């Protein structure tokens, strides 16, 4: 289930066009947090990281609207970097989970634990 927690986020990100990457890890956390401390930690980390990335993306959208589209010049590179970071971090988390290790996500607002 640790592997599912890590890989459900990119799957949800692709299926929801980037708006719900935290949903998969949240569901894993809700249903499996009592069964295993490792699964709880992995799912909470994935959720926290994706929530942080979603907030960053939404703030970038807000800045585009506030500047009447002028901010789009620098917003597109930010979204590309956020996407690459999300994929890279989830692949590293999935590889750690496949070895039975718990991956600690960087850049996360710790909401779940």
PDB file of N, CA and C in Angstrom:
ATOM      1  N   UNK A   1       0.817  -1.206   0.000  1.00  0.00           N
ATOM      2  CA  UNK A   1       0.000   0.000   0.000  1.00  0.00           C
ATOM      3  C   UNK A   1       0.858   1.266   0.000  1.00  0.00           C
ATOM      4  N   UNK A   2       2.110   1.146   0.455  1.00  0.00           N
ATOM      5  CA  UNK A   2       3.003   2.307   0.372  1.00  0.00           C
ATOM      6  C   UNK A   2       3.215   2.691  -1.089  1.00  0.00           C
ATOM      7  N   UNK A   3       3.387   1.689  -1.926  1.00  0.00           N
ATOM      8  CA  UNK A   3       3.583   1.934  -3.348  1.00  0.00           C
ATOM      9  C   UNK A   3       2.341   2.591  -3.958  1.00  0.00           C
ATOM     10  N   UNK A   4       1.179   2.138  -3.564  1.00  0.00           N
ATOM     11  CA  UNK A   4      -0.073   2.736  -4.049  1.00  0.00           C
ATOM     12  C   UNK A   4      -0.180   4.195  -3.595  1.00  0.00           C
ATOM     13  N   UNK A   5       0.228   4.477  -2.367  1.00  0.00           N
ATOM     14  CA  UNK A   5       0.171   5.856  -1.866  1.00  0.00           C
ATOM     15  C   UNK A   5       1.040   6.778  -2.710  1.00  0.00           C
ATOM     16  N   UNK A   6       2.221   6.285  -3.104  1.00  0.00           N
ATOM     17  CA  UNK A   6       3.122   7.118  -3.897  1.00  0.00           C
ATOM     18  C   UNK A   6       2.658   7.254  -5.345  1.00  0.00           C
ATOM     19  N   UNK A   7       2.159   6.184  -5.929  1.00  0.00           N
ATOM     20  CA  UNK A   7       1.808   6.211  -7.351  1.00  0.00           C
ATOM     21  C   UNK A   7       0.384   6.689  -7.624  1.00  0.00           C
ATOM     22  N   UNK A   8      -0.464   6.682  -6.597  1.00  0.00           N
ATOM     23  CA  UNK A   8      -1.829   7.170  -6.816  1.00  0.00           C
ATOM     24  C   UNK A   8      -1.847   8.678  -7.055  1.00  0.00           C
ATOM     25  N   UNK A   9      -0.889   9.380  -6.510  1.00  0.00           N
ATOM     26  CA  UNK A   9      -0.851  10.832  -6.700  1.00  0.00           C
ATOM     27  C   UNK A   9      -0.588  11.222  -8.152  1.00  0.00           C
ATOM     28  N   UNK A  10       0.460  10.674  -8.815  1.00  0.00           N
ATOM     29  CA  UNK A  10       0.629  11.037 -10.228  1.00  0.00           C
ATOM     30  C   UNK A  10      -0.525  10.554 -11.099  1.00  0.00           C
ATOM     31  N   UNK A  11      -1.110   9.405 -10.764  1.00  0.00           N
ATOM     32  CA  UNK A  11      -2.252   8.915 -11.538  1.00  0.00           C
ATOM     33  C   UNK A  11      -3.440   9.870 -11.394  1.00  0.00           C
ATOM     34  N   UNK A  12      -3.711  10.293 -10.168  1.00  0.00           N
ATOM     35  CA  UNK A  12      -4.817  11.239  -9.949  1.00  0.00           C
ATOM     36  C   UNK A  12      -4.509  12.589 -10.575  1.00  0.00           C
ATOM     37  N   UNK A  13      -3.228  12.973 -10.562  1.00  0.00           N
ATOM     38  CA  UNK A  13      -2.843  14.245 -11.167  1.00  0.00           C
ATOM     39  C   UNK A  13      -3.122  14.218 -12.667  1.00  0.00           C
ATOM     40  N   UNK A  14      -2.800  13.132 -13.315  1.00  0.00           N
ATOM     41  CA  UNK A  14      -3.034  13.026 -14.755  1.00  0.00           C
ATOM     42  C   UNK A  14      -4.520  12.920 -15.075  1.00  0.00           C
ATOM     43  N   UNK A  15      -5.258  12.162 -14.281  1.00  0.00           N
ATOM     44  CA  UNK A  15      -6.683  11.976 -14.543  1.00  0.00           C
ATOM     45  C   UNK A  15      -7.504  13.239 -14.243  1.00  0.00           C
ATOM     46  N   UNK A  16      -7.042  14.042 -13.296  1.00  0.00           N
ATOM     47  CA  UNK A  16      -7.796  15.248 -12.934  1.00  0.00           C
ATOM     48  C   UNK A  16      -7.178  16.508 -13.526  1.00  0.00           C
ATOM     49  N   UNK A  17      -6.275  16.354 -14.456  1.00  0.00           N
ATOM     50  CA  UNK A  17      -5.576  17.457 -15.106  1.00  0.00           C
ATOM     51  C   UNK A  17      -4.879  18.341 -14.060  1.00  0.00           C
ATOM     52  N   UNK A  18      -4.283  17.709 -13.079  1.00  0.00           N
ATOM     53  CA  UNK A  18      -3.471  18.411 -12.099  1.00  0.00           C
ATOM     54  C   UNK A  18      -4.167  18.940 -10.874  1.00  0.00           C
ATOM     55  N   UNK A  19      -5.470  18.734 -10.737  1.00  0.00           N
ATOM     56  CA  UNK A  19      -6.183  19.369  -9.635  1.00  0.00           C
ATOM     57  C   UNK A  19      -6.417  18.489  -8.414  1.00  0.00           C
ATOM     58  N   UNK A  20      -6.275  17.184  -8.524  1.00  0.00           N
ATOM     59  CA  UNK A  20      -6.560  16.320  -7.367  1.00  0.00           C
ATOM     60  C   UNK A  20      -5.450  15.312  -7.064  1.00  0.00           C
ATOM     61  N   UNK A  21      -4.186  15.693  -7.108  1.00  0.00           N
ATOM     62  CA  UNK A  21      -3.144  14.706  -6.857  1.00  0.00           C
ATOM     63  C   UNK A  21      -3.095  14.228  -5.411  1.00  0.00           C
ATOM     64  N   UNK A  22      -3.716  14.958  -4.507  1.00  0.00           N
ATOM     65  CA  UNK A  22      -3.703  14.584  -3.099  1.00  0.00           C
ATOM     66  C   UNK A  22      -4.801  13.588  -2.738  1.00  0.00           C
ATOM     67  N   UNK A  23      -5.731  13.329  -3.651  1.00  0.00           N
ATOM     68  CA  UNK A  23      -6.873  12.468  -3.353  1.00  0.00           C
ATOM     69  C   UNK A  23      -6.466  11.011  -3.122  1.00  0.00           C
ATOM     70  N   UNK A  24      -5.620  10.466  -3.985  1.00  0.00           N
ATOM     71  CA  UNK A  24      -5.191   9.075  -3.838  1.00  0.00           C
ATOM     72  C   UNK A  24      -4.480   8.819  -2.518  1.00  0.00           C
ATOM     73  N   UNK A  25      -3.445   9.608  -2.186  1.00  0.00           N
ATOM     74  CA  UNK A  25      -2.785   9.407  -0.895  1.00  0.00           C
ATOM     75  C   UNK A  25      -3.715   9.612   0.301  1.00  0.00           C
ATOM     76  N   UNK A  26      -4.674  10.534   0.174  1.00  0.00           N
ATOM     77  CA  UNK A  26      -5.625  10.750   1.261  1.00  0.00           C
ATOM     78  C   UNK A  26      -6.479   9.511   1.486  1.00  0.00           C
ATOM     79  N   UNK A  27      -6.945   8.894   0.404  1.00  0.00           N
ATOM     80  CA  UNK A  27      -7.752   7.681   0.543  1.00  0.00           C
ATOM     81  C   UNK A  27      -6.941   6.537   1.141  1.00  0.00           C
ATOM     82  N   UNK A  28      -5.691   6.385   0.722  1.00  0.00           N
ATOM     83  CA  UNK A  28      -4.834   5.350   1.310  1.00  0.00           C
ATOM     84  C   UNK A  28      -4.648   5.636   2.796  1.00  0.00           C
ATOM     85  N   UNK A  29      -4.402   6.879   3.138  1.00  0.00           N
ATOM     86  CA  UNK A  29      -4.218   7.242   4.543  1.00  0.00           C
ATOM     87  C   UNK A  29      -5.479   6.951   5.353  1.00  0.00           C
ATOM     88  N   UNK A  30      -6.650   7.301   4.804  1.00  0.00           N
ATOM     89  CA  UNK A  30      -7.907   7.088   5.533  1.00  0.00           C
ATOM     90  C   UNK A  30      -8.189   5.610   5.791  1.00  0.00           C
ATOM     91  N   UNK A  31      -7.929   4.766   4.797  1.00  0.00           N
ATOM     92  CA  UNK A  31      -8.301   3.364   4.917  1.00  0.00           C
ATOM     93  C   UNK A  31      -7.218   2.458   5.498  1.00  0.00           C
ATOM     94  N   UNK A  32      -5.961   2.875   5.469  1.00  0.00           N
ATOM     95  CA  UNK A  32      -4.874   1.987   5.894  1.00  0.00           C
ATOM     96  C   UNK A  32      -4.001   2.559   7.003  1.00  0.00           C
ATOM     97  N   UNK A  33      -4.340   3.707   7.551  1.00  0.00           N
ATOM     98  CA  UNK A  33      -3.467   4.324   8.552  1.00  0.00           C
ATOM     99  C   UNK A  33      -3.363   3.505   9.837  1.00  0.00           C
ATOM    100  N   UNK A  34      -4.386   2.745  10.173  1.00  0.00           N
ATOM    101  CA  UNK A  34      -4.368   1.942  11.398  1.00  0.00           C
ATOM    102  C   UNK A  34      -3.658   0.602  11.211  1.00  0.00           C
ATOM    103  N   UNK A  35      -3.451   0.176   9.982  1.00  0.00           N
ATOM    104  CA  UNK A  35      -2.876  -1.144   9.712  1.00  0.00           C
ATOM    105  C   UNK A  35      -1.356  -1.160   9.749  1.00  0.00           C
ATOM    106  N   UNK A  36      -0.735  -0.048   9.358  1.00  0.00           N
ATOM    107  CA  UNK A  36       0.719  -0.030   9.269  1.00  0.00           C
ATOM    108  C   UNK A  36       1.233   1.396   9.452  1.00  0.00           C
ATOM    109  N   UNK A  37       2.231   1.533  10.315  1.00  0.00           N
ATOM    110  CA  UNK A  37       2.826   2.849  10.529  1.00  0.00           C
ATOM    111  C   UNK A  37       3.561   3.320   9.279  1.00  0.00           C
ATOM    112  N   UNK A  38       4.176   2.396   8.560  1.00  0.00           N
ATOM    113  CA  UNK A  38       4.910   2.758   7.339  1.00  0.00           C
ATOM    114  C   UNK A  38       3.949   3.268   6.266  1.00  0.00           C
ATOM    115  N   UNK A  39       2.809   2.607   6.105  1.00  0.00           N
ATOM    116  CA  UNK A  39       1.818   3.041   5.120  1.00  0.00           C
ATOM    117  C   UNK A  39       1.244   4.400   5.527  1.00  0.00           C
ATOM    118  N   UNK A  40       0.985   4.571   6.810  1.00  0.00           N
ATOM    119  CA  UNK A  40       0.467   5.851   7.294  1.00  0.00           C
ATOM    120  C   UNK A  40       1.460   6.977   7.005  1.00  0.00           C
ATOM    121  N   UNK A  41       2.732   6.741   7.265  1.00  0.00           N
ATOM    122  CA  UNK A  41       3.758   7.759   7.026  1.00  0.00           C
ATOM    123  C   UNK A  41       3.903   8.066   5.543  1.00  0.00           C
ATOM    124  N   UNK A  42       3.904   7.025   4.707  1.00  0.00           N
ATOM    125  CA  UNK A  42       4.043   7.218   3.258  1.00  0.00           C
ATOM    126  C   UNK A  42       2.847   7.976   2.688  1.00  0.00           C
ATOM    127  N   UNK A  43       1.644   7.576   3.076  1.00  0.00           N
ATOM    128  CA  UNK A  43       0.441   8.230   2.556  1.00  0.00           C
ATOM    129  C   UNK A  43       0.341   9.668   3.056  1.00  0.00           C
ATOM    130  N   UNK A  44       0.668   9.895   4.324  1.00  0.00           N
ATOM    131  CA  UNK A  44       0.625  11.251   4.870  1.00  0.00           C
ATOM    132  C   UNK A  44       1.652  12.137   4.173  1.00  0.00           C
ATOM    133  N   UNK A  45       2.842  11.623   3.943  1.00  0.00           N
ATOM    134  CA  UNK A  45       3.868  12.398   3.244  1.00  0.00           C
ATOM    135  C   UNK A  45       3.447  12.731   1.828  1.00  0.00           C
ATOM    136  N   UNK A  46       2.893  11.744   1.122  1.00  0.00           N
ATOM    137  CA  UNK A  46       2.438  11.985  -0.248  1.00  0.00           C
ATOM    138  C   UNK A  46       1.303  13.009  -0.272  1.00  0.00           C
ATOM    139  N   UNK A  47       0.372  12.887   0.661  1.00  0.00           N
ATOM    140  CA  UNK A  47      -0.725  13.852   0.739  1.00  0.00           C
ATOM    141  C   UNK A  47      -0.202  15.257   1.028  1.00  0.00           C
ATOM    142  N   UNK A  48       0.643  15.382   2.046  1.00  0.00           N
ATOM    143  CA  UNK A  48       1.168  16.689   2.435  1.00  0.00           C
ATOM    144  C   UNK A  48       1.944  17.339   1.292  1.00  0.00           C
ATOM    145  N   UNK A  49       2.781  16.552   0.624  1.00  0.00           N
ATOM    146  CA  UNK A  49       3.568  17.081  -0.491  1.00  0.00           C
ATOM    147  C   UNK A  49       2.657  17.551  -1.615  1.00  0.00           C
ATOM    148  N   UNK A  50       1.674  16.742  -1.976  1.00  0.00           N
ATOM    149  CA  UNK A  50       0.779  17.108  -3.081  1.00  0.00           C
ATOM    150  C   UNK A  50      -0.123  18.276  -2.727  1.00  0.00           C
ATOM    151  N   UNK A  51      -0.510  18.377  -1.488  1.00  0.00           N
ATOM    152  CA  UNK A  51      -1.289  19.538  -1.069  1.00  0.00           C
ATOM    153  C   UNK A  51      -0.441  20.799  -1.193  1.00  0.00           C
ATOM    154  N   UNK A  52       0.821  20.722  -0.810  1.00  0.00           N
ATOM    155  CA  UNK A  52       1.736  21.858  -0.937  1.00  0.00           C
ATOM    156  C   UNK A  52       1.909  22.256  -2.404  1.00  0.00           C
ATOM    157  N   UNK A  53       2.083  21.267  -3.279  1.00  0.00           N
ATOM    158  CA  UNK A  53       2.251  21.556  -4.705  1.00  0.00           C
ATOM    159  C   UNK A  53       0.970  22.125  -5.312  1.00  0.00           C
ATOM    160  N   UNK A  54      -0.182  21.658  -4.860  1.00  0.00           N
ATOM    161  CA  UNK A  54      -1.455  22.181  -5.347  1.00  0.00           C
ATOM    162  C   UNK A  54      -1.629  23.635  -4.907  1.00  0.00           C
ATOM    163  N   UNK A  55      -1.267  23.933  -3.670  1.00  0.00           N
ATOM    164  CA  UNK A  55      -1.343  25.317  -3.184  1.00  0.00           C
ATOM    165  C   UNK A  55      -0.423  26.210  -4.005  1.00  0.00           C
ATOM    166  N   UNK A  56       0.791  25.736  -4.295  1.00  0.00           N
ATOM    167  CA  UNK A  56       1.728  26.520  -5.116  1.00  0.00           C
ATOM    168  C   UNK A  56       1.154  26.770  -6.507  1.00  0.00           C
ATOM    169  N   UNK A  57       0.522  25.762  -7.082  1.00  0.00           N
ATOM    170  CA  UNK A  57      -0.074  25.907  -8.404  1.00  0.00           C
ATOM    171  C   UNK A  57      -1.237  26.900  -8.386  1.00  0.00           C
ATOM    172  N   UNK A  58      -2.077  26.801  -7.363  1.00  0.00           N
ATOM    173  CA  UNK A  58      -3.221  27.716  -7.253  1.00  0.00           C
ATOM    174  C   UNK A  58      -2.738  29.153  -7.041  1.00  0.00           C
ATOM    175  N   UNK A  59      -1.720  29.330  -6.227  1.00  0.00           N
ATOM    176  CA  UNK A  59      -1.169  30.680  -6.032  1.00  0.00           C
ATOM    177  C   UNK A  59      -0.600  31.231  -7.332  1.00  0.00           C
ATOM    178  N   UNK A  60      -0.004  30.363  -8.134  1.00  0.00           N
ATOM    179  CA  UNK A  60       0.503  30.811  -9.432  1.00  0.00           C
ATOM    180  C   UNK A  60      -0.646  31.217 -10.343  1.00  0.00           C
ATOM    181  N   UNK A  61      -1.744  30.442 -10.341  1.00  0.00           N
ATOM    182  CA  UNK A  61      -2.931  30.822 -11.118  1.00  0.00           C
ATOM    183  C   UNK A  61      -3.478  32.168 -10.661  1.00  0.00           C
ATOM    184  N   UNK A  62      -3.545  32.359  -9.353  1.00  0.00           N
ATOM    185  CA  UNK A  62      -4.056  33.629  -8.825  1.00  0.00           C
ATOM    186  C   UNK A  62      -3.194  34.788  -9.301  1.00  0.00           C
ATOM    187  N   UNK A  63      -1.880  34.588  -9.286  1.00  0.00           N
ATOM    188  CA  UNK A  63      -0.998  35.675  -9.747  1.00  0.00           C
ATOM    189  C   UNK A  63      -1.203  35.968 -11.233  1.00  0.00           C
ATOM    190  N   UNK A  64      -1.532  34.954 -12.016  1.00  0.00           N
ATOM    191  CA  UNK A  64      -1.809  35.183 -13.436  1.00  0.00           C
ATOM    192  C   UNK A  64      -3.075  36.024 -13.594  1.00  0.00           C
ATOM    193  N   UNK A  65      -4.109  35.698 -12.824  1.00  0.00           N
ATOM    194  CA  UNK A  65      -5.358  36.456 -12.923  1.00  0.00           C
ATOM    195  C   UNK A  65      -5.203  37.878 -12.399  1.00  0.00           C
ATOM    196  N   UNK A  66      -4.446  38.038 -11.335  1.00  0.00           N
ATOM    197  CA  UNK A  66      -4.266  39.370 -10.747  1.00  0.00           C
ATOM    198  C   UNK A  66      -3.511  40.291 -11.701  1.00  0.00           C
ATOM    199  N   UNK A  67      -2.590  39.732 -12.463  1.00  0.00           N
ATOM    200  CA  UNK A  67      -1.803  40.549 -13.403  1.00  0.00           C
ATOM    201  C   UNK A  67      -2.430  40.568 -14.791  1.00  0.00           C
ATOM    202  N   UNK A  68      -3.674  40.127 -14.895  1.00  0.00           N
ATOM    203  CA  UNK A  68      -4.412  40.122 -16.162  1.00  0.00           C
ATOM    204  C   UNK A  68      -3.665  39.373 -17.265  1.00  0.00           C
ATOM    205  N   UNK A  69      -3.049  38.274 -16.899  1.00  0.00           N
ATOM    206  CA  UNK A  69      -2.387  37.418 -17.877  1.00  0.00           C
ATOM    207  C   UNK A  69      -0.925  37.722 -18.121  1.00  0.00           C
ATOM    208  N   UNK A  70      -0.441  38.847 -17.638  1.00  0.00           N
ATOM    209  CA  UNK A  70       0.964  39.182 -17.841  1.00  0.00           C
ATOM    210  C   UNK A  70       1.862  38.191 -17.105  1.00  0.00           C
ATOM    211  N   UNK A  71       1.404  37.722 -15.963  1.00  0.00           N
ATOM    212  CA  UNK A  71       2.173  36.761 -15.171  1.00  0.00           C
ATOM    213  C   UNK A  71       2.299  35.401 -15.820  1.00  0.00           C
ATOM    214  N   UNK A  72       1.567  35.187 -16.900  1.00  0.00           N
ATOM    215  CA  UNK A  72       1.639  33.905 -17.600  1.00  0.00           C
ATOM    216  C   UNK A  72       3.034  33.638 -18.146  1.00  0.00           C
ATOM    217  N   UNK A  73       3.783  34.696 -18.410  1.00  0.00           N
ATOM    218  CA  UNK A  73       5.144  34.570 -18.943  1.00  0.00           C
ATOM    219  C   UNK A  73       6.027  33.781 -17.985  1.00  0.00           C
ATOM    220  N   UNK A  74       5.918  34.051 -16.705  1.00  0.00           N
ATOM    221  CA  UNK A  74       6.733  33.320 -15.737  1.00  0.00           C
ATOM    222  C   UNK A  74       5.957  32.198 -15.062  1.00  0.00           C
ATOM    223  N   UNK A  75       4.640  32.160 -15.207  1.00  0.00           N
ATOM    224  CA  UNK A  75       3.842  31.109 -14.578  1.00  0.00           C
ATOM    225  C   UNK A  75       4.030  29.770 -15.279  1.00  0.00           C
ATOM    226  N   UNK A  76       4.136  29.773 -16.573  1.00  0.00           N
ATOM    227  CA  UNK A  76       4.297  28.513 -17.315  1.00  0.00           C
ATOM    228  C   UNK A  76       5.566  27.780 -16.882  1.00  0.00           C
ATOM    229  N   UNK A  77       6.717  28.440 -16.796  1.00  0.00           N
ATOM    230  CA  UNK A  77       7.897  27.718 -16.298  1.00  0.00           C
ATOM    231  C   UNK A  77       7.726  27.198 -14.870  1.00  0.00           C
ATOM    232  N   UNK A  78       7.004  27.950 -14.036  1.00  0.00           N
ATOM    233  CA  UNK A  78       6.765  27.478 -12.666  1.00  0.00           C
ATOM    234  C   UNK A  78       5.939  26.205 -12.694  1.00  0.00           C
ATOM    235  N   UNK A  79       4.889  26.156 -13.516  1.00  0.00           N
ATOM    236  CA  UNK A  79       4.066  24.952 -13.594  1.00  0.00           C
ATOM    237  C   UNK A  79       4.859  23.771 -14.133  1.00  0.00           C
ATOM    238  N   UNK A  80       5.723  24.015 -15.089  1.00  0.00           N
ATOM    239  CA  UNK A  80       6.561  22.941 -15.633  1.00  0.00           C
ATOM    240  C   UNK A  80       7.484  22.401 -14.547  1.00  0.00           C
ATOM    241  N   UNK A  81       8.094  23.290 -13.792  1.00  0.00           N
ATOM    242  CA  UNK A  81       8.987  22.858 -12.704  1.00  0.00           C
ATOM    243  C   UNK A  81       8.200  22.094 -11.646  1.00  0.00           C
ATOM    244  N   UNK A  82       7.028  22.580 -11.268  1.00  0.00           N
ATOM    245  CA  UNK A  82       6.201  21.873 -10.286  1.00  0.00           C
ATOM    246  C   UNK A  82       5.850  20.475 -10.776  1.00  0.00           C
ATOM    247  N   UNK A  83       5.496  20.342 -12.048  1.00  0.00           N
ATOM    248  CA  UNK A  83       5.142  19.041 -12.615  1.00  0.00           C
ATOM    249  C   UNK A  83       6.340  18.093 -12.575  1.00  0.00           C
ATOM    250  N   UNK A  84       7.498  18.575 -12.999  1.00  0.00           N
ATOM    251  CA  UNK A  84       8.697  17.726 -13.016  1.00  0.00           C
ATOM    252  C   UNK A  84       9.082  17.315 -11.597  1.00  0.00           C
ATOM    253  N   UNK A  85       9.019  18.251 -10.658  1.00  0.00           N
ATOM    254  CA  UNK A  85       9.351  17.931  -9.267  1.00  0.00           C
ATOM    255  C   UNK A  85       8.388  16.887  -8.719  1.00  0.00           C
ATOM    256  N   UNK A  86       7.098  17.037  -9.005  1.00  0.00           N
ATOM    257  CA  UNK A  86       6.125  16.067  -8.514  1.00  0.00           C
ATOM    258  C   UNK A  86       6.398  14.677  -9.062  1.00  0.00           C
ATOM    259  N   UNK A  87       6.628  14.569 -10.344  1.00  0.00           N
ATOM    260  CA  UNK A  87       6.895  13.251 -10.940  1.00  0.00           C
ATOM    261  C   UNK A  87       8.178  12.672 -10.354  1.00  0.00           C
ATOM    262  N   UNK A  88       9.236  13.473 -10.289  1.00  0.00           N
ATOM    263  CA  UNK A  88      10.523  13.005  -9.784  1.00  0.00           C
ATOM    264  C   UNK A  88      10.408  12.504  -8.336  1.00  0.00           C
ATOM    265  N   UNK A  89       9.751  13.263  -7.493  1.00  0.00           N
ATOM    266  CA  UNK A  89       9.632  12.901  -6.083  1.00  0.00           C
ATOM    267  C   UNK A  89       8.774  11.649  -5.913  1.00  0.00           C
ATOM    268  N   UNK A  90       7.708  11.521  -6.694  1.00  0.00           N
ATOM    269  CA  UNK A  90       6.865  10.336  -6.568  1.00  0.00           C
ATOM    270  C   UNK A  90       7.570   9.083  -7.079  1.00  0.00           C
ATOM    271  N   UNK A  91       8.370   9.211  -8.101  1.00  0.00           N
ATOM    272  CA  UNK A  91       9.148   8.060  -8.575  1.00  0.00           C
ATOM    273  C   UNK A  91      10.146   7.639  -7.493  1.00  0.00           C
ATOM    274  N   UNK A  92      10.802   8.613  -6.872  1.00  0.00           N
ATOM    275  CA  UNK A  92      11.737   8.279  -5.786  1.00  0.00           C
ATOM    276  C   UNK A  92      11.000   7.633  -4.622  1.00  0.00           C
ATOM    277  N   UNK A  93       9.820   8.128  -4.291  1.00  0.00           N
ATOM    278  CA  UNK A  93       9.026   7.529  -3.220  1.00  0.00           C
ATOM    279  C   UNK A  93       8.595   6.121  -3.563  1.00  0.00           C
ATOM    280  N   UNK A  94       8.184   5.904  -4.811  1.00  0.00           N
ATOM    281  CA  UNK A  94       7.757   4.561  -5.240  1.00  0.00           C
ATOM    282  C   UNK A  94       8.938   3.590  -5.226  1.00  0.00           C
ATOM    283  N   UNK A  95      10.101   4.045  -5.640  1.00  0.00           N
ATOM    284  CA  UNK A  95      11.278   3.173  -5.594  1.00  0.00           C
ATOM    285  C   UNK A  95      11.644   2.822  -4.159  1.00  0.00           C
ATOM    286  N   UNK A  96      11.554   3.781  -3.261  1.00  0.00           N
ATOM    287  CA  UNK A  96      11.819   3.502  -1.847  1.00  0.00           C
ATOM    288  C   UNK A  96      10.783   2.525  -1.296  1.00  0.00           C
ATOM    289  N   UNK A  97       9.522   2.712  -1.656  1.00  0.00           N
ATOM    290  CA  UNK A  97       8.460   1.815  -1.182  1.00  0.00           C
ATOM    291  C   UNK A  97       8.651   0.403  -1.715  1.00  0.00           C
ATOM    292  N   UNK A  98       9.144   0.274  -2.938  1.00  0.00           N
ATOM    293  CA  UNK A  98       9.366  -1.069  -3.492  1.00  0.00           C
ATOM    294  C   UNK A  98      10.479  -1.802  -2.746  1.00  0.00           C
ATOM    295  N   UNK A  99      11.367  -1.046  -2.090  1.00  0.00           N
ATOM    296  CA  UNK A  99      12.407  -1.655  -1.256  1.00  0.00           C
ATOM    297  C   UNK A  99      11.951  -1.808   0.186  1.00  0.00           C
ATOM    298  N   UNK A 100      10.734  -1.372   0.493  1.00  0.00           N
ATOM    299  CA  UNK A 100      10.210  -1.466   1.850  1.00  0.00           C
ATOM    300  C   UNK A 100      10.629  -0.315   2.743  1.00  0.00           C
ATOM    301  N   UNK A 101      11.150   0.745   2.156  1.00  0.00           N
ATOM    302  CA  UNK A 101      11.605   1.901   2.916  1.00  0.00           C
ATOM    303  C   UNK A 101      10.552   2.998   2.893  1.00  0.00           C
ATOM    304  N   UNK A 102      10.568   3.830   3.912  1.00  0.00           N
ATOM    305  CA  UNK A 102       9.666   4.978   3.975  1.00  0.00           C
ATOM    306  C   UNK A 102      10.413   6.184   3.429  1.00  0.00           C
ATOM    307  N   UNK A 103       9.813   6.855   2.464  1.00  0.00           N
ATOM    308  CA  UNK A 103      10.415   8.025   1.821  1.00  0.00           C
ATOM    309  C   UNK A 103       9.911   9.289   2.505  1.00  0.00           C
ATOM    310  N   UNK A 104      10.825  10.189   2.815  1.00  0.00           N
ATOM    311  CA  UNK A 104      10.458  11.468   3.418  1.00  0.00           C
ATOM    312  C   UNK A 104      10.383  12.532   2.323  1.00  0.00           C
ATOM    313  N   UNK A 105       9.187  13.055   2.093  1.00  0.00           N
ATOM    314  CA  UNK A 105       8.970  14.045   1.046  1.00  0.00           C
ATOM    315  C   UNK A 105       9.558  15.396   1.425  1.00  0.00           C
ATOM    316  N   UNK A 106      10.194  16.076   0.467  1.00  0.00           N
ATOM    317  CA  UNK A 106      10.654  17.438   0.733  1.00  0.00           C
ATOM    318  C   UNK A 106       9.509  18.425   0.508  1.00  0.00           C
ATOM    319  N   UNK A 107       9.690  19.644   0.914  1.00  0.00           N
ATOM    320  CA  UNK A 107       8.762  20.742   0.598  1.00  0.00           C
ATOM    321  C   UNK A 107       7.303  20.408   0.898  1.00  0.00           C
ATOM    322  N   UNK A 108       7.029  20.071   2.128  1.00  0.00           N
ATOM    323  CA  UNK A 108       5.643  19.732   2.444  1.00  0.00           C
ATOM    324  C   UNK A 108       5.146  20.510   3.654  1.00  0.00           C
ATOM    325  N   UNK A 109       3.893  20.911   3.564  1.00  0.00           N
ATOM    326  CA  UNK A 109       3.206  21.474   4.706  1.00  0.00           C
ATOM    327  C   UNK A 109       2.605  20.286   5.446  1.00  0.00           C
ATOM    328  N   UNK A 110       3.048  20.031   6.633  1.00  0.00           N
ATOM    329  CA  UNK A 110       2.626  18.813   7.355  1.00  0.00           C
ATOM    330  C   UNK A 110       1.236  19.002   7.963  1.00  0.00           C
ATOM    331  N   UNK A 111       0.254  18.455   7.268  1.00  0.00           N
ATOM    332  CA  UNK A 111      -1.119  18.495   7.741  1.00  0.00           C
ATOM    333  C   UNK A 111      -1.500  17.142   8.342  1.00  0.00           C
ATOM    334  N   UNK A 112      -1.180  16.073   7.626  1.00  0.00           N
ATOM    335  CA  UNK A 112      -1.407  14.721   8.118  1.00  0.00           C
ATOM    336  C   UNK A 112      -0.105  14.154   8.652  1.00  0.00           C
ATOM    337  N   UNK A 113      -0.226  13.243   9.590  1.00  0.00           N
ATOM    338  CA  UNK A 113       0.967  12.549  10.070  1.00  0.00           C
ATOM    339  C   UNK A 113       0.635  11.109  10.384  1.00  0.00           C
TER     340      UNK A 113
END
